C-alpha atoms as a PDB file:
ATOM      1  CA  UNK A   1      -0.224   0.002   0.136  1.00  0.00           C
ATOM      2  CA  UNK A   2       1.171   3.348  -0.945  1.00  0.00           C
ATOM      3  CA  UNK A   3       1.311   5.562   3.087  1.00  0.00           C
ATOM      4  CA  UNK A   4       3.273   8.630   3.917  1.00  0.00           C
ATOM      5  CA  UNK A   5       7.315   7.201   4.425  1.00  0.00           C
ATOM      6  CA  UNK A   6       6.300   5.854   0.508  1.00  0.00           C
ATOM      7  CA  UNK A   7       4.923   9.684  -0.568  1.00  0.00           C
ATOM      8  CA  UNK A   8       7.648  11.316   1.836  1.00  0.00           C
ATOM      9  CA  UNK A   9      10.494   9.178   0.235  1.00  0.00           C
ATOM     10  CA  UNK A  10       9.020  10.367  -3.086  1.00  0.00           C
ATOM     11  CA  UNK A  11       9.441  14.556  -2.087  1.00  0.00           C
ATOM     12  CA  UNK A  12      12.364  14.434  -0.188  1.00  0.00           C
ATOM     13  CA  UNK A  13      13.748  12.844  -3.862  1.00  0.00           C
ATOM     14  CA  UNK A  14      12.126  15.122  -5.406  1.00  0.00           C
ATOM     15  CA  UNK A  15       9.949  12.614  -7.198  1.00  0.00           C
ATOM     16  CA  UNK A  16       6.916  14.557  -7.946  1.00  0.00           C
ATOM     17  CA  UNK A  17       6.149  14.269 -11.780  1.00  0.00           C
ATOM     18  CA  UNK A  18       1.961  14.894 -10.815  1.00  0.00           C
ATOM     19  CA  UNK A  19       3.517  18.611  -9.461  1.00  0.00           C
ATOM     20  CA  UNK A  20       2.811  20.517 -12.491  1.00  0.00           C
ATOM     21  CA  UNK A  21       4.378  24.058 -10.591  1.00  0.00           C
ATOM     22  CA  UNK A  22       1.657  25.919 -10.247  1.00  0.00           C
ATOM     23  CA  UNK A  23      -2.461  25.734  -9.626  1.00  0.00           C
ATOM     24  CA  UNK A  24      -4.140  23.693 -12.146  1.00  0.00           C
ATOM     25  CA  UNK A  25      -5.969  26.159 -15.015  1.00  0.00           C
ATOM     26  CA  UNK A  26      -8.913  23.752 -15.429  1.00  0.00           C
ATOM     27  CA  UNK A  27      -9.618  23.971 -11.121  1.00  0.00           C
ATOM     28  CA  UNK A  28      -8.967  27.777 -10.936  1.00  0.00           C
ATOM     29  CA  UNK A  29     -11.428  28.449 -14.153  1.00  0.00           C
ATOM     30  CA  UNK A  30     -14.253  26.299 -12.660  1.00  0.00           C
ATOM     31  CA  UNK A  31     -13.431  28.183  -8.792  1.00  0.00           C
ATOM     32  CA  UNK A  32     -13.705  31.259 -10.649  1.00  0.00           C
ATOM     33  CA  UNK A  33     -17.071  30.868 -11.743  1.00  0.00           C
ATOM     34  CA  UNK A  34     -18.622  29.908  -7.700  1.00  0.00           C
ATOM     35  CA  UNK A  35     -19.499  33.286  -6.483  1.00  0.00           C
ATOM     36  CA  UNK A  36     -20.485  31.910  -2.685  1.00  0.00           C
ATOM     37  CA  UNK A  37     -16.663  32.222  -1.260  1.00  0.00           C
ATOM     38  CA  UNK A  38     -17.829  30.987   1.711  1.00  0.00           C
ATOM     39  CA  UNK A  39     -17.934  27.071   1.195  1.00  0.00           C
ATOM     40  CA  UNK A  40     -15.734  24.957   3.223  1.00  0.00           C
ATOM     41  CA  UNK A  41     -13.113  22.894   0.535  1.00  0.00           C
ATOM     42  CA  UNK A  42     -10.830  19.746   0.867  1.00  0.00           C
ATOM     43  CA  UNK A  43      -8.240  19.313  -1.374  1.00  0.00           C
ATOM     44  CA  UNK A  44      -6.872  15.382  -0.791  1.00  0.00           C
ATOM     45  CA  UNK A  45      -3.516  15.128  -2.015  1.00  0.00           C
ATOM     46  CA  UNK A  46      -2.987  18.760  -2.302  1.00  0.00           C
ATOM     47  CA  UNK A  47       0.846  18.389  -2.340  1.00  0.00           C
ATOM     48  CA  UNK A  48       2.447  21.800  -3.088  1.00  0.00           C
ATOM     49  CA  UNK A  49      -0.761  22.970  -1.918  1.00  0.00           C
ATOM     50  CA  UNK A  50      -1.161  25.451  -5.606  1.00  0.00           C
ATOM     51  CA  UNK A  51      -4.838  25.202  -5.412  1.00  0.00           C
ATOM     52  CA  UNK A  52      -5.146  25.681  -1.366  1.00  0.00           C
ATOM     53  CA  UNK A  53      -3.097  28.734  -2.043  1.00  0.00           C
ATOM     54  CA  UNK A  54      -4.450  30.343  -5.210  1.00  0.00           C
ATOM     55  CA  UNK A  55      -8.196  29.456  -3.552  1.00  0.00           C
ATOM     56  CA  UNK A  56      -7.181  31.280   0.140  1.00  0.00           C
ATOM     57  CA  UNK A  57      -5.758  34.639  -2.408  1.00  0.00           C
ATOM     58  CA  UNK A  58      -9.369  33.826  -4.287  1.00  0.00           C
ATOM     59  CA  UNK A  59     -11.046  34.676  -1.139  1.00  0.00           C
ATOM     60  CA  UNK A  60     -11.627  31.460  -0.364  1.00  0.00           C
ATOM     61  CA  UNK A  61     -10.990  31.320   3.321  1.00  0.00           C
ATOM     62  CA  UNK A  62     -12.937  27.835   4.194  1.00  0.00           C
ATOM     63  CA  UNK A  63     -10.210  26.252   1.992  1.00  0.00           C
ATOM     64  CA  UNK A  64      -8.137  23.124   3.303  1.00  0.00           C
ATOM     65  CA  UNK A  65      -4.934  21.896   2.520  1.00  0.00           C
ATOM     66  CA  UNK A  66      -4.460  17.633   3.516  1.00  0.00           C
ATOM     67  CA  UNK A  67      -1.902  15.945   2.694  1.00  0.00           C
ATOM     68  CA  UNK A  68       0.242  12.699   4.220  1.00  0.00           C
ATOM     69  CA  UNK A  69       3.750  13.512   3.514  1.00  0.00           C
ATOM     70  CA  UNK A  70       4.973  15.722   6.173  1.00  0.00           C
ATOM     71  CA  UNK A  71       8.020  17.176   3.237  1.00  0.00           C
ATOM     72  CA  UNK A  72       4.811  18.126   1.076  1.00  0.00           C
ATOM     73  CA  UNK A  73       3.560  19.973   4.263  1.00  0.00           C
ATOM     74  CA  UNK A  74       6.940  21.740   4.734  1.00  0.00           C
ATOM     75  CA  UNK A  75       7.509  23.310   1.613  1.00  0.00           C
ATOM     76  CA  UNK A  76       3.848  24.343   1.475  1.00  0.00           C
ATOM     77  CA  UNK A  77       4.456  26.558   4.553  1.00  0.00           C
ATOM     78  CA  UNK A  78       7.648  27.750   3.993  1.00  0.00           C
ATOM     79  CA  UNK A  79       6.151  29.199  -0.322  1.00  0.00           C
ATOM     80  CA  UNK A  80       2.479  30.169   1.596  1.00  0.00           C
ATOM     81  CA  UNK A  81       3.397  31.345   5.282  1.00  0.00           C
ATOM     82  CA  UNK A  82       0.033  33.358   5.634  1.00  0.00           C
ATOM     83  CA  UNK A  83      -2.024  29.834   5.346  1.00  0.00           C
ATOM     84  CA  UNK A  84      -4.018  28.961   8.229  1.00  0.00           C
ATOM     85  CA  UNK A  85      -2.034  26.515  10.205  1.00  0.00           C
ATOM     86  CA  UNK A  86      -5.532  24.894  11.523  1.00  0.00           C
ATOM     87  CA  UNK A  87      -6.680  24.482   7.988  1.00  0.00           C
ATOM     88  CA  UNK A  88      -3.955  22.033   7.349  1.00  0.00           C
ATOM     89  CA  UNK A  89      -5.035  18.184   7.513  1.00  0.00           C
ATOM     90  CA  UNK A  90      -2.227  16.328   7.677  1.00  0.00           C
ATOM     91  CA  UNK A  91      -4.240  12.852   7.940  1.00  0.00           C
ATOM     92  CA  UNK A  92      -4.997  10.078   5.504  1.00  0.00           C
ATOM     93  CA  UNK A  93      -8.066  10.278   3.575  1.00  0.00           C
ATOM     94  CA  UNK A  94      -9.430   7.587   4.406  1.00  0.00           C
ATOM     95  CA  UNK A  95      -9.209   8.629   8.125  1.00  0.00           C
ATOM     96  CA  UNK A  96     -10.296  12.554   7.423  1.00  0.00           C
ATOM     97  CA  UNK A  97     -13.803  13.319   9.249  1.00  0.00           C
ATOM     98  CA  UNK A  98     -15.640  16.251   8.711  1.00  0.00           C
ATOM     99  CA  UNK A  99     -18.258  17.424   5.609  1.00  0.00           C
ATOM    100  CA  UNK A 100     -17.448  20.091   2.594  1.00  0.00           C
ATOM    101  CA  UNK A 101     -18.954  21.758   0.159  1.00  0.00           C
ATOM    102  CA  UNK A 102     -16.911  21.049  -2.525  1.00  0.00           C
ATOM    103  CA  UNK A 103     -13.999  18.270  -2.677  1.00  0.00           C
ATOM    104  CA  UNK A 104     -11.109  19.943  -5.887  1.00  0.00           C
ATOM    105  CA  UNK A 105      -9.867  16.626  -7.321  1.00  0.00           C
ATOM    106  CA  UNK A 106      -6.016  16.807  -8.930  1.00  0.00           C
ATOM    107  CA  UNK A 107      -3.899  14.344  -8.650  1.00  0.00           C
ATOM    108  CA  UNK A 108      -5.276  12.546  -5.081  1.00  0.00           C
ATOM    109  CA  UNK A 109      -7.736   9.690  -7.422  1.00  0.00           C
ATOM    110  CA  UNK A 110      -4.684   8.480  -9.229  1.00  0.00           C
ATOM    111  CA  UNK A 111      -2.576   8.072  -6.437  1.00  0.00           C
ATOM    112  CA  UNK A 112      -5.476   5.471  -5.120  1.00  0.00           C
ATOM    113  CA  UNK A 113      -4.369   1.986  -6.040  1.00  0.00           C
ATOM    114  CA  UNK A 114      -7.681   0.193  -8.445  1.00  0.00           C
ATOM    115  CA  UNK A 115      -8.120  -2.271  -5.616  1.00  0.00           C
ATOM    116  CA  UNK A 116      -9.097   1.151  -3.470  1.00  0.00           C
ATOM    117  CA  UNK A 117     -11.037   3.108  -6.079  1.00  0.00           C
ATOM    118  CA  UNK A 118     -13.867   2.210  -4.314  1.00  0.00           C
ATOM    119  CA  UNK A 119     -13.500   2.821  -1.111  1.00  0.00           C
ATOM    120  CA  UNK A 120     -11.730   5.774  -2.124  1.00  0.00           C
ATOM    121  CA  UNK A 121     -15.205   7.435  -4.035  1.00  0.00           C
ATOM    122  CA  UNK A 122     -17.282   5.893  -0.672  1.00  0.00           C
ATOM    123  CA  UNK A 123     -15.017   8.577   1.329  1.00  0.00           C
ATOM    124  CA  UNK A 124     -15.203  11.307  -0.564  1.00  0.00           C
ATOM    125  CA  UNK A 125     -19.243  10.376  -0.961  1.00  0.00           C
ATOM    126  CA  UNK A 126     -19.090  10.321   2.785  1.00  0.00           C
ATOM    127  CA  UNK A 127     -17.204  13.980   3.173  1.00  0.00           C
ATOM    128  CA  UNK A 128     -19.598  16.098   0.834  1.00  0.00           C
ATOM    129  CA  UNK A 129     -22.382  17.329   2.059  1.00  0.00           C
ATOM    130  CA  UNK A 130     -26.004  16.167   0.537  1.00  0.00           C
ATOM    131  CA  UNK A 131     -25.931  18.612  -2.625  1.00  0.00           C
ATOM    132  CA  UNK A 132     -22.254  19.165  -2.131  1.00  0.00           C
ATOM    133  CA  UNK A 133     -19.509  18.400  -5.322  1.00  0.00           C
ATOM    134  CA  UNK A 134     -16.699  16.907  -6.168  1.00  0.00           C
ATOM    135  CA  UNK A 135     -14.950  18.890  -8.722  1.00  0.00           C
ATOM    136  CA  UNK A 136     -11.736  18.668 -11.032  1.00  0.00           C
ATOM    137  CA  UNK A 137      -9.623  16.671 -13.560  1.00  0.00           C
ATOM    138  CA  UNK A 138      -9.548  13.028 -13.775  1.00  0.00           C
ATOM    139  CA  UNK A 139      -6.662  11.392 -16.016  1.00  0.00           C
ATOM    140  CA  UNK A 140      -8.138   9.959 -19.561  1.00  0.00           C
ATOM    141  CA  UNK A 141      -5.323   7.608 -19.927  1.00  0.00           C
ATOM    142  CA  UNK A 142      -3.925   4.470 -19.179  1.00  0.00           C
ATOM    143  CA  UNK A 143      -0.454   4.793 -17.972  1.00  0.00           C
ATOM    144  CA  UNK A 144       2.293   2.000 -18.373  1.00  0.00           C
ATOM    145  CA  UNK A 145       3.550  -0.016 -15.330  1.00  0.00           C
ATOM    146  CA  UNK A 146       2.675  -0.435 -11.860  1.00  0.00           C
ATOM    147  CA  UNK A 147       1.916   3.471 -11.393  1.00  0.00           C
ATOM    148  CA  UNK A 148       1.258   5.713  -9.176  1.00  0.00           C
ATOM    149  CA  UNK A 149      -0.482   6.989 -11.160  1.00  0.00           C
ATOM    150  CA  UNK A 150      -2.894   4.992 -12.269  1.00  0.00           C
ATOM    151  CA  UNK A 151      -4.783   6.108 -15.351  1.00  0.00           C
ATOM    152  CA  UNK A 152      -8.419   5.194 -16.244  1.00  0.00           C
ATOM    153  CA  UNK A 153     -10.974   6.164 -18.925  1.00  0.00           C
ATOM    154  CA  UNK A 154     -14.369   8.040 -19.157  1.00  0.00           C
ATOM    155  CA  UNK A 155     -15.930   4.227 -19.046  1.00  0.00           C
ATOM    156  CA  UNK A 156     -14.582   3.276 -15.912  1.00  0.00           C
ATOM    157  CA  UNK A 157     -15.256   6.285 -14.232  1.00  0.00           C
ATOM    158  CA  UNK A 158     -18.762   6.235 -14.758  1.00  0.00           C
ATOM    159  CA  UNK A 159     -19.227   2.937 -13.844  1.00  0.00           C
ATOM    160  CA  UNK A 160     -17.398   3.798 -10.370  1.00  0.00           C
ATOM    161  CA  UNK A 161     -19.003   6.959  -9.272  1.00  0.00           C
ATOM    162  CA  UNK A 162     -22.144   6.503 -10.821  1.00  0.00           C
ATOM    163  CA  UNK A 163     -23.173   3.800  -8.094  1.00  0.00           C
ATOM    164  CA  UNK A 164     -22.881   7.271  -5.570  1.00  0.00           C
ATOM    165  CA  UNK A 165     -22.893  10.304  -7.782  1.00  0.00           C
ATOM    166  CA  UNK A 166     -24.574  11.862 -10.202  1.00  0.00           C
ATOM    167  CA  UNK A 167     -22.449  12.503 -13.227  1.00  0.00           C
ATOM    168  CA  UNK A 168     -23.192  17.032 -13.726  1.00  0.00           C
ATOM    169  CA  UNK A 169     -19.972  16.608 -16.052  1.00  0.00           C
ATOM    170  CA  UNK A 170     -18.031  14.139 -17.320  1.00  0.00           C
ATOM    171  CA  UNK A 171     -15.964  15.411 -20.579  1.00  0.00           C
ATOM    172  CA  UNK A 172     -12.927  16.090 -22.006  1.00  0.00           C
ATOM    173  CA  UNK A 173     -10.726  19.211 -20.705  1.00  0.00           C
ATOM    174  CA  UNK A 174     -10.018  21.387 -22.349  1.00  0.00           C
ATOM    175  CA  UNK A 175      -7.844  23.502 -20.631  1.00  0.00           C
ATOM    176  CA  UNK A 176      -5.258  21.233 -19.353  1.00  0.00           C
ATOM    177  CA  UNK A 177      -1.647  22.059 -19.565  1.00  0.00           C
ATOM    178  CA  UNK A 178      -0.109  21.334 -22.604  1.00  0.00           C
ATOM    179  CA  UNK A 179       1.933  18.074 -21.348  1.00  0.00           C
ATOM    180  CA  UNK A 180      -1.632  16.719 -20.689  1.00  0.00           C
ATOM    181  CA  UNK A 181      -3.762  17.901 -23.292  1.00  0.00           C
ATOM    182  CA  UNK A 182      -6.182  16.039 -24.540  1.00  0.00           C
ATOM    183  CA  UNK A 183      -5.727  12.732 -21.231  1.00  0.00           C
ATOM    184  CA  UNK A 184      -7.774  15.005 -18.629  1.00  0.00           C
ATOM    185  CA  UNK A 185     -10.931  14.308 -18.269  1.00  0.00           C
ATOM    186  CA  UNK A 186     -12.754  17.665 -16.048  1.00  0.00           C
ATOM    187  CA  UNK A 187     -15.170  15.963 -13.741  1.00  0.00           C
ATOM    188  CA  UNK A 188     -18.763  17.489 -11.799  1.00  0.00           C
ATOM    189  CA  UNK A 189     -20.164  15.166  -9.931  1.00  0.00           C
ATOM    190  CA  UNK A 190     -22.631  15.203  -6.628  1.00  0.00           C
ATOM    191  CA  UNK A 191     -24.127  12.453  -4.525  1.00  0.00           C
ATOM    192  CA  UNK A 192     -26.630  10.498  -4.720  1.00  0.00           C
END
């Protein structure tokens, strides 16, 4: 299983291929469309926390950074010292409690081994308020090797998420960063 030590070691070795060096453009464009800046937001597997930082700067002051790698947190706090410490959650997503209006997906789902995907989806479902949303990007590509990342496709995601979520949007992402063009789906889901 991929645990805290595994992810921390990846950070220590700068083996962080998921880190794009900026906030994900699709997520930022989505956030710009949300008028209520008082919602509770969770970003699982926040890593460098670019999305948490930008959301906070946009006025979403109830955004929560979540990761399990201490080195990721250290780097985030060094870069964004004014981010509220009480909104940094260093806990495995599967052990998290609380309720959120929005869970932003960047690269947390693709870090889950396929055998844990149903468990991850159930946990996300449980963390959302009844009319909350799970939104973000999923890889629409199969990766060689044993992962992570673990890829997938629209049909697989629709089947997996469809058990617990109503799919509001699941389509090719038009504003991915160049290396991911044509390889991401933008999703917006709400619990059923």
